[in-house]
Amino acid sequence: MTSNCLNCNEEIVGKFCSNCSQSASTHRFSLSHVIQHDFVHGIFHFDTGFFYTIKELFTRPGHRIRAYVQGKRTKHFNYFATIILLLTLSYFLKKWTKIDPSSIYDQTALSGVFKLLKDYSKFIVFLHIPIIALGSFLLFKKSKQNYTENLVLNLYLQCGILTISLVLPVIMIFSDNKEFLLMVNNVLSVVSVLYVIIFYYQYFSVFDYKKSGLIIRVICIGILFLVTKLVMNNILNIIGLKYFH
């Protein structure tokens, strides 16, 4: 039995359109379908969607994202959507914390950054990525990953780091001990650095690099990552202090 695709009007033979890949069983929207399929399947299923992507980012992060870049994409949540959802989760978690999360940091040194983060966090989280992507593109040029592919892998890396950062506001829901929270924040910073190193090492491990050369490049990109974040924070702090009150 054949029919025409409702998306591109090509004739369909089988379960999917050979031209645009849309399912042949497309049906009208209903409230139950939106809730049970689109929302629950897209967000909560562990074989695809948001939580699948998060799970993969903490089991075999570099290997899995390399597979995504190379074409295995159907199960993963979009990188931009994942970042926005993680930022939204962070926003709501901070509403429940016993103290203002920014109060555990040095307010005098970072007050400008916090002024910007208040209204522009969704933009600020992306600012360093083009620079890091250029760094990984140049350092791992032998892998023949183009600049855009480096952008994508670094966007997913940012998803992993944002997920790690959610631990602090979760703990702050139950504790307001600033010394303890500062210690947790420091531990999470170390974990984030280790995550960056593991991510890049796994991602580029299958390309034609000697182990020693790969390790050196991973250390260099890790240092570049930290330096870029530090410089970016200093620039944002100056902008925040000068132009935002």
C-alpha atoms as a PDB file:
ATOM      1  CA  MET A   1       0.000   0.000   0.000  1.00  0.00           C
ATOM      2  CA  THR A   2       1.307   3.439  -0.931  1.00  0.00           C
ATOM      3  CA  SER A   3       0.401   6.969   0.133  1.00  0.00           C
ATOM      4  CA  ASN A   4       1.771  10.486  -0.188  1.00  0.00           C
ATOM      5  CA  CYS A   5       3.993  12.086   2.437  1.00  0.00           C
ATOM      6  CA  LEU A   6       2.226  14.914   4.270  1.00  0.00           C
ATOM      7  CA  ASN A   7       5.534  16.767   4.570  1.00  0.00           C
ATOM      8  CA  CYS A   8       6.971  16.726   1.013  1.00  0.00           C
ATOM      9  CA  ASN A   9       4.200  14.988  -0.977  1.00  0.00           C
ATOM     10  CA  GLU A  10       6.507  12.223  -2.223  1.00  0.00           C
ATOM     11  CA  GLU A  11       5.014   8.772  -2.603  1.00  0.00           C
ATOM     12  CA  ILE A  12       5.681   6.591   0.437  1.00  0.00           C
ATOM     13  CA  VAL A  13       6.357   2.869   0.240  1.00  0.00           C
ATOM     14  CA  GLY A  14       6.838   1.463   3.730  1.00  0.00           C
ATOM     15  CA  LYS A  15       6.854   3.153   7.119  1.00  0.00           C
ATOM     16  CA  PHE A  16       8.954   6.227   6.257  1.00  0.00           C
ATOM     17  CA  CYS A  17       9.299   8.697   3.389  1.00  0.00           C
ATOM     18  CA  SER A  18      12.436   7.986   1.358  1.00  0.00           C
ATOM     19  CA  ASN A  19      12.763  11.697   0.530  1.00  0.00           C
ATOM     20  CA  CYS A  20      12.421  13.451   3.923  1.00  0.00           C
ATOM     21  CA  SER A  21      12.252  10.507   6.398  1.00  0.00           C
ATOM     22  CA  GLN A  22       8.935  11.536   7.929  1.00  0.00           C
ATOM     23  CA  SER A  23       6.848   8.701   9.338  1.00  0.00           C
ATOM     24  CA  ALA A  24       3.989   7.460   7.178  1.00  0.00           C
ATOM     25  CA  SER A  25       1.780   7.214  10.266  1.00  0.00           C
ATOM     26  CA  THR A  26       1.567  10.969  10.880  1.00  0.00           C
ATOM     27  CA  HIS A  27      -1.712  11.823  12.612  1.00  0.00           C
ATOM     28  CA  ARG A  28      -3.492  14.831  14.018  1.00  0.00           C
ATOM     29  CA  PHE A  29      -2.239  16.279  17.305  1.00  0.00           C
ATOM     30  CA  SER A  30      -4.146  15.486  20.457  1.00  0.00           C
ATOM     31  CA  LEU A  31      -3.449  16.470  24.056  1.00  0.00           C
ATOM     32  CA  SER A  32      -2.792  12.859  25.070  1.00  0.00           C
ATOM     33  CA  HIS A  33      -0.311  12.372  22.199  1.00  0.00           C
ATOM     34  CA  VAL A  34       1.580  15.583  23.007  1.00  0.00           C
ATOM     35  CA  ILE A  35       1.892  14.629  26.689  1.00  0.00           C
ATOM     36  CA  GLN A  36       2.495  10.898  26.324  1.00  0.00           C
ATOM     37  CA  HIS A  37       4.674  10.879  23.215  1.00  0.00           C
ATOM     38  CA  ASP A  38       6.237  14.231  22.358  1.00  0.00           C
ATOM     39  CA  PHE A  39       6.969  15.393  25.931  1.00  0.00           C
ATOM     40  CA  VAL A  40       7.541  12.123  27.780  1.00  0.00           C
ATOM     41  CA  HIS A  41       9.391  10.426  24.918  1.00  0.00           C
ATOM     42  CA  GLY A  42      11.458  13.477  24.038  1.00  0.00           C
ATOM     43  CA  ILE A  43      12.480  14.276  27.605  1.00  0.00           C
ATOM     44  CA  PHE A  44      12.254  11.239  29.868  1.00  0.00           C
ATOM     45  CA  HIS A  45      12.971   8.153  27.764  1.00  0.00           C
ATOM     46  CA  PHE A  46      16.412   6.697  28.412  1.00  0.00           C
ATOM     47  CA  ASP A  47      16.746   5.171  24.927  1.00  0.00           C
ATOM     48  CA  THR A  48      16.429   8.554  23.204  1.00  0.00           C
ATOM     49  CA  GLY A  49      15.949  12.249  24.004  1.00  0.00           C
ATOM     50  CA  PHE A  50      17.204  14.514  26.778  1.00  0.00           C
ATOM     51  CA  PHE A  51      18.024  11.983  29.503  1.00  0.00           C
ATOM     52  CA  TYR A  52      19.595   9.621  26.992  1.00  0.00           C
ATOM     53  CA  THR A  53      21.901  12.437  25.890  1.00  0.00           C
ATOM     54  CA  ILE A  54      22.805  13.288  29.503  1.00  0.00           C
ATOM     55  CA  LYS A  55      23.434   9.607  30.277  1.00  0.00           C
ATOM     56  CA  GLU A  56      25.720   9.272  27.271  1.00  0.00           C
ATOM     57  CA  LEU A  57      27.586  12.452  28.230  1.00  0.00           C
ATOM     58  CA  PHE A  58      28.605  10.746  31.481  1.00  0.00           C
ATOM     59  CA  THR A  59      29.281   7.206  30.312  1.00  0.00           C
ATOM     60  CA  ARG A  60      31.290   7.551  27.092  1.00  0.00           C
ATOM     61  CA  PRO A  61      31.145  11.299  26.403  1.00  0.00           C
ATOM     62  CA  GLY A  62      33.807  11.758  23.749  1.00  0.00           C
ATOM     63  CA  HIS A  63      33.090   8.472  21.963  1.00  0.00           C
ATOM     64  CA  ARG A  64      29.346   9.064  21.870  1.00  0.00           C
ATOM     65  CA  ILE A  65      29.541  12.668  20.657  1.00  0.00           C
ATOM     66  CA  ARG A  66      32.058  11.674  17.979  1.00  0.00           C
ATOM     67  CA  ALA A  67      29.520   9.104  16.772  1.00  0.00           C
ATOM     68  CA  TYR A  68      26.889  11.851  16.758  1.00  0.00           C
ATOM     69  CA  VAL A  69      29.096  14.164  14.691  1.00  0.00           C
ATOM     70  CA  GLN A  70      29.832  11.319  12.281  1.00  0.00           C
ATOM     71  CA  GLY A  71      26.140  10.632  11.687  1.00  0.00           C
ATOM     72  CA  LYS A  72      24.499   8.620  14.512  1.00  0.00           C
ATOM     73  CA  ARG A  73      22.081  11.379  15.523  1.00  0.00           C
ATOM     74  CA  THR A  74      18.531  10.070  15.852  1.00  0.00           C
ATOM     75  CA  LYS A  75      18.670   9.289  19.583  1.00  0.00           C
ATOM     76  CA  HIS A  76      20.286  12.517  20.776  1.00  0.00           C
ATOM     77  CA  PHE A  77      18.584  15.654  22.022  1.00  0.00           C
ATOM     78  CA  ASN A  78      19.621  18.760  20.099  1.00  0.00           C
ATOM     79  CA  TYR A  79      22.659  20.476  21.675  1.00  0.00           C
ATOM     80  CA  PHE A  80      21.083  23.954  21.743  1.00  0.00           C
ATOM     81  CA  ALA A  81      17.861  22.571  23.234  1.00  0.00           C
ATOM     82  CA  THR A  82      19.868  20.605  25.822  1.00  0.00           C
ATOM     83  CA  ILE A  83      21.753  23.714  26.936  1.00  0.00           C
ATOM     84  CA  ILE A  84      18.570  25.784  27.181  1.00  0.00           C
ATOM     85  CA  LEU A  85      16.812  23.044  29.162  1.00  0.00           C
ATOM     86  CA  LEU A  86      19.780  22.725  31.548  1.00  0.00           C
ATOM     87  CA  LEU A  87      19.819  26.511  32.066  1.00  0.00           C
ATOM     88  CA  THR A  88      16.086  26.404  32.754  1.00  0.00           C
ATOM     89  CA  LEU A  89      16.567  23.619  35.312  1.00  0.00           C
ATOM     90  CA  SER A  90      19.322  25.649  36.953  1.00  0.00           C
ATOM     91  CA  TYR A  91      17.058  28.715  37.087  1.00  0.00           C
ATOM     92  CA  PHE A  92      14.257  26.851  38.854  1.00  0.00           C
ATOM     93  CA  LEU A  93      16.611  25.000  41.217  1.00  0.00           C
ATOM     94  CA  LYS A  94      18.074  28.332  42.337  1.00  0.00           C
ATOM     95  CA  LYS A  95      14.572  29.491  43.248  1.00  0.00           C
ATOM     96  CA  TRP A  96      14.529  26.785  45.927  1.00  0.00           C
ATOM     97  CA  THR A  97      17.981  27.321  47.426  1.00  0.00           C
ATOM     98  CA  LYS A  98      18.317  28.431  51.049  1.00  0.00           C
ATOM     99  CA  ILE A  99      20.666  31.283  50.077  1.00  0.00           C
ATOM    100  CA  ASP A 100      21.485  33.192  46.898  1.00  0.00           C
ATOM    101  CA  PRO A 101      23.985  30.971  44.991  1.00  0.00           C
ATOM    102  CA  SER A 102      26.090  34.022  44.110  1.00  0.00           C
ATOM    103  CA  SER A 103      26.653  34.761  47.808  1.00  0.00           C
ATOM    104  CA  ILE A 104      29.269  31.998  48.154  1.00  0.00           C
ATOM    105  CA  TYR A 105      31.563  33.725  45.648  1.00  0.00           C
ATOM    106  CA  ASP A 106      33.736  36.815  46.019  1.00  0.00           C
ATOM    107  CA  GLN A 107      31.150  39.490  45.252  1.00  0.00           C
ATOM    108  CA  THR A 108      33.688  42.278  44.854  1.00  0.00           C
ATOM    109  CA  ALA A 109      35.635  40.360  42.214  1.00  0.00           C
ATOM    110  CA  LEU A 110      32.680  39.039  40.218  1.00  0.00           C
ATOM    111  CA  SER A 111      29.869  41.529  40.802  1.00  0.00           C
ATOM    112  CA  GLY A 112      29.904  42.642  37.157  1.00  0.00           C
ATOM    113  CA  VAL A 113      29.576  39.039  35.939  1.00  0.00           C
ATOM    114  CA  PHE A 114      26.593  38.404  38.200  1.00  0.00           C
ATOM    115  CA  LYS A 115      24.875  41.539  36.898  1.00  0.00           C
ATOM    116  CA  LEU A 116      25.128  40.173  33.365  1.00  0.00           C
ATOM    117  CA  LEU A 117      24.208  36.620  34.311  1.00  0.00           C
ATOM    118  CA  LYS A 118      20.988  37.856  35.858  1.00  0.00           C
ATOM    119  CA  ASP A 119      19.500  38.741  32.452  1.00  0.00           C
ATOM    120  CA  TYR A 120      21.822  37.277  29.817  1.00  0.00           C
ATOM    121  CA  SER A 121      22.863  33.828  31.075  1.00  0.00           C
ATOM    122  CA  LYS A 122      21.434  32.115  27.964  1.00  0.00           C
ATOM    123  CA  PHE A 123      23.805  34.149  25.787  1.00  0.00           C
ATOM    124  CA  ILE A 124      26.853  34.209  28.063  1.00  0.00           C
ATOM    125  CA  VAL A 125      27.020  30.410  28.235  1.00  0.00           C
ATOM    126  CA  PHE A 126      27.782  30.324  24.486  1.00  0.00           C
ATOM    127  CA  LEU A 127      30.363  33.139  24.303  1.00  0.00           C
ATOM    128  CA  HIS A 128      33.516  31.111  24.868  1.00  0.00           C
ATOM    129  CA  ILE A 129      32.533  28.201  22.620  1.00  0.00           C
ATOM    130  CA  PRO A 130      33.592  29.703  19.238  1.00  0.00           C
ATOM    131  CA  ILE A 131      37.056  30.390  20.708  1.00  0.00           C
ATOM    132  CA  ILE A 132      37.410  26.910  22.216  1.00  0.00           C
ATOM    133  CA  ALA A 133      36.150  25.394  18.973  1.00  0.00           C
ATOM    134  CA  LEU A 134      38.855  27.255  17.059  1.00  0.00           C
ATOM    135  CA  GLY A 135      41.427  25.964  19.549  1.00  0.00           C
ATOM    136  CA  SER A 136      40.325  22.333  19.211  1.00  0.00           C
ATOM    137  CA  PHE A 137      40.115  22.732  15.418  1.00  0.00           C
ATOM    138  CA  LEU A 138      43.754  23.905  15.247  1.00  0.00           C
ATOM    139  CA  LEU A 139      45.151  21.536  17.875  1.00  0.00           C
ATOM    140  CA  PHE A 140      43.437  18.478  16.410  1.00  0.00           C
ATOM    141  CA  LYS A 141      43.563  19.464  12.738  1.00  0.00           C
ATOM    142  CA  LYS A 142      44.953  16.049  11.865  1.00  0.00           C
ATOM    143  CA  SER A 143      41.572  14.548  12.790  1.00  0.00           C
ATOM    144  CA  LYS A 144      40.047  16.389   9.784  1.00  0.00           C
ATOM    145  CA  GLN A 145      37.114  17.597  11.861  1.00  0.00           C
ATOM    146  CA  ASN A 146      36.000  20.896  10.368  1.00  0.00           C
ATOM    147  CA  TYR A 147      35.355  24.028  12.422  1.00  0.00           C
ATOM    148  CA  THR A 148      31.589  23.511  12.569  1.00  0.00           C
ATOM    149  CA  GLU A 149      32.057  19.943  13.821  1.00  0.00           C
ATOM    150  CA  ASN A 150      34.315  21.357  16.526  1.00  0.00           C
ATOM    151  CA  LEU A 151      31.558  23.817  17.432  1.00  0.00           C
ATOM    152  CA  VAL A 152      29.095  20.958  17.836  1.00  0.00           C
ATOM    153  CA  LEU A 153      31.389  18.788  19.955  1.00  0.00           C
ATOM    154  CA  ASN A 154      32.167  21.753  22.207  1.00  0.00           C
ATOM    155  CA  LEU A 155      28.473  22.577  22.569  1.00  0.00           C
ATOM    156  CA  TYR A 156      27.905  19.048  23.847  1.00  0.00           C
ATOM    157  CA  LEU A 157      30.925  19.419  26.116  1.00  0.00           C
ATOM    158  CA  GLN A 158      29.224  22.509  27.537  1.00  0.00           C
ATOM    159  CA  CYS A 159      26.111  20.403  28.165  1.00  0.00           C
ATOM    160  CA  GLY A 160      28.180  18.067  30.329  1.00  0.00           C
ATOM    161  CA  ILE A 161      29.719  20.942  32.290  1.00  0.00           C
ATOM    162  CA  LEU A 162      26.312  22.557  32.853  1.00  0.00           C
ATOM    163  CA  THR A 163      25.004  19.230  34.154  1.00  0.00           C
ATOM    164  CA  ILE A 164      27.884  19.033  36.648  1.00  0.00           C
ATOM    165  CA  SER A 165      27.137  22.594  37.757  1.00  0.00           C
ATOM    166  CA  LEU A 166      23.557  21.593  38.682  1.00  0.00           C
ATOM    167  CA  VAL A 167      24.924  19.661  41.662  1.00  0.00           C
ATOM    168  CA  LEU A 168      25.642  22.891  43.589  1.00  0.00           C
ATOM    169  CA  PRO A 169      22.111  24.384  43.532  1.00  0.00           C
ATOM    170  CA  VAL A 170      20.673  20.941  44.401  1.00  0.00           C
ATOM    171  CA  ILE A 171      22.883  20.808  47.505  1.00  0.00           C
ATOM    172  CA  MET A 172      22.009  24.433  48.298  1.00  0.00           C
ATOM    173  CA  ILE A 173      18.360  23.447  48.596  1.00  0.00           C
ATOM    174  CA  PHE A 174      19.333  21.515  51.727  1.00  0.00           C
ATOM    175  CA  SER A 175      22.289  23.512  53.074  1.00  0.00           C
ATOM    176  CA  ASP A 176      23.205  27.162  53.640  1.00  0.00           C
ATOM    177  CA  ASN A 177      26.670  26.504  55.092  1.00  0.00           C
ATOM    178  CA  LYS A 178      28.847  28.793  52.948  1.00  0.00           C
ATOM    179  CA  GLU A 179      32.133  27.085  53.808  1.00  0.00           C
ATOM    180  CA  PHE A 180      30.726  23.683  52.877  1.00  0.00           C
ATOM    181  CA  LEU A 181      29.152  25.042  49.696  1.00  0.00           C
ATOM    182  CA  LEU A 182      32.391  26.731  48.666  1.00  0.00           C
ATOM    183  CA  MET A 183      34.192  23.407  49.146  1.00  0.00           C
ATOM    184  CA  VAL A 184      31.555  21.680  46.985  1.00  0.00           C
ATOM    185  CA  ASN A 185      31.997  24.361  44.338  1.00  0.00           C
ATOM    186  CA  ASN A 186      35.776  23.826  44.328  1.00  0.00           C
ATOM    187  CA  VAL A 187      35.319  20.057  44.006  1.00  0.00           C
ATOM    188  CA  LEU A 188      32.906  20.572  41.105  1.00  0.00           C
ATOM    189  CA  SER A 189      35.450  22.848  39.424  1.00  0.00           C
ATOM    190  CA  VAL A 190      38.062  20.064  39.602  1.00  0.00           C
ATOM    191  CA  VAL A 191      35.512  17.519  38.337  1.00  0.00           C
ATOM    192  CA  SER A 192      34.688  19.850  35.422  1.00  0.00           C
ATOM    193  CA  VAL A 193      38.357  20.096  34.443  1.00  0.00           C
ATOM    194  CA  LEU A 194      38.714  16.298  34.573  1.00  0.00           C
ATOM    195  CA  TYR A 195      35.548  15.978  32.497  1.00  0.00           C
ATOM    196  CA  VAL A 196      36.972  18.322  29.846  1.00  0.00           C
ATOM    197  CA  ILE A 197      40.161  16.246  29.652  1.00  0.00           C
ATOM    198  CA  ILE A 198      38.287  12.910  29.438  1.00  0.00           C
ATOM    199  CA  PHE A 199      35.882  14.284  26.828  1.00  0.00           C
ATOM    200  CA  TYR A 200      38.596  15.527  24.462  1.00  0.00           C
ATOM    201  CA  TYR A 201      40.773  12.441  24.992  1.00  0.00           C
ATOM    202  CA  GLN A 202      37.919  10.073  24.143  1.00  0.00           C
ATOM    203  CA  TYR A 203      36.714  12.131  21.200  1.00  0.00           C
ATOM    204  CA  PHE A 204      40.082  12.328  19.438  1.00  0.00           C
ATOM    205  CA  SER A 205      41.463   8.950  20.575  1.00  0.00           C
ATOM    206  CA  VAL A 206      40.437   7.129  17.367  1.00  0.00           C
ATOM    207  CA  PHE A 207      42.283   9.479  15.055  1.00  0.00           C
ATOM    208  CA  ASP A 208      45.883   8.973  13.978  1.00  0.00           C
ATOM    209  CA  TYR A 209      47.637  10.429  17.041  1.00  0.00           C
ATOM    210  CA  LYS A 210      50.368   8.856  19.104  1.00  0.00           C
ATOM    211  CA  LYS A 211      49.279   8.534  22.727  1.00  0.00           C
ATOM    212  CA  SER A 212      51.883  11.020  23.945  1.00  0.00           C
ATOM    213  CA  GLY A 213      50.920  13.544  21.269  1.00  0.00           C
ATOM    214  CA  LEU A 214      47.234  13.125  22.069  1.00  0.00           C
ATOM    215  CA  ILE A 215      47.836  13.674  25.785  1.00  0.00           C
ATOM    216  CA  ILE A 216      49.854  16.837  25.099  1.00  0.00           C
ATOM    217  CA  ARG A 217      47.109  18.207  22.850  1.00  0.00           C
ATOM    218  CA  VAL A 218      44.409  17.367  25.395  1.00  0.00           C
ATOM    219  CA  ILE A 219      46.365  19.157  28.136  1.00  0.00           C
ATOM    220  CA  CYS A 220      46.803  22.174  25.852  1.00  0.00           C
ATOM    221  CA  ILE A 221      43.096  22.384  24.997  1.00  0.00           C
ATOM    222  CA  GLY A 222      42.263  21.959  28.686  1.00  0.00           C
ATOM    223  CA  ILE A 223      44.530  24.891  29.565  1.00  0.00           C
ATOM    224  CA  LEU A 224      43.048  26.945  26.711  1.00  0.00           C
ATOM    225  CA  PHE A 225      39.566  26.133  28.015  1.00  0.00           C
ATOM    226  CA  LEU A 226      40.409  27.420  31.499  1.00  0.00           C
ATOM    227  CA  VAL A 227      42.248  30.510  30.245  1.00  0.00           C
ATOM    228  CA  THR A 228      39.436  31.400  27.845  1.00  0.00           C
ATOM    229  CA  LYS A 229      36.829  31.113  30.606  1.00  0.00           C
ATOM    230  CA  LEU A 230      38.983  33.248  32.925  1.00  0.00           C
ATOM    231  CA  VAL A 231      39.589  35.956  30.318  1.00  0.00           C
ATOM    232  CA  MET A 232      35.929  35.926  29.309  1.00  0.00           C
ATOM    233  CA  ASN A 233      34.817  36.327  32.924  1.00  0.00           C
ATOM    234  CA  ASN A 234      37.194  39.270  33.381  1.00  0.00           C
ATOM    235  CA  ILE A 235      35.865  40.965  30.239  1.00  0.00           C
ATOM    236  CA  LEU A 236      32.255  40.342  31.285  1.00  0.00           C
ATOM    237  CA  ASN A 237      33.005  41.656  34.764  1.00  0.00           C
ATOM    238  CA  ILE A 238      34.376  44.912  33.329  1.00  0.00           C
ATOM    239  CA  ILE A 239      31.351  45.269  31.016  1.00  0.00           C
ATOM    240  CA  GLY A 240      28.939  44.495  33.852  1.00  0.00           C
ATOM    241  CA  LEU A 241      30.534  47.038  36.211  1.00  0.00           C
ATOM    242  CA  LYS A 242      30.741  49.771  33.559  1.00  0.00           C
ATOM    243  CA  TYR A 243      27.413  49.474  31.783  1.00  0.00           C
ATOM    244  CA  PHE A 244      25.006  47.644  34.126  1.00  0.00           C
ATOM    245  CA  HIS A 245      23.852  49.011  37.442  1.00  0.00           C
END
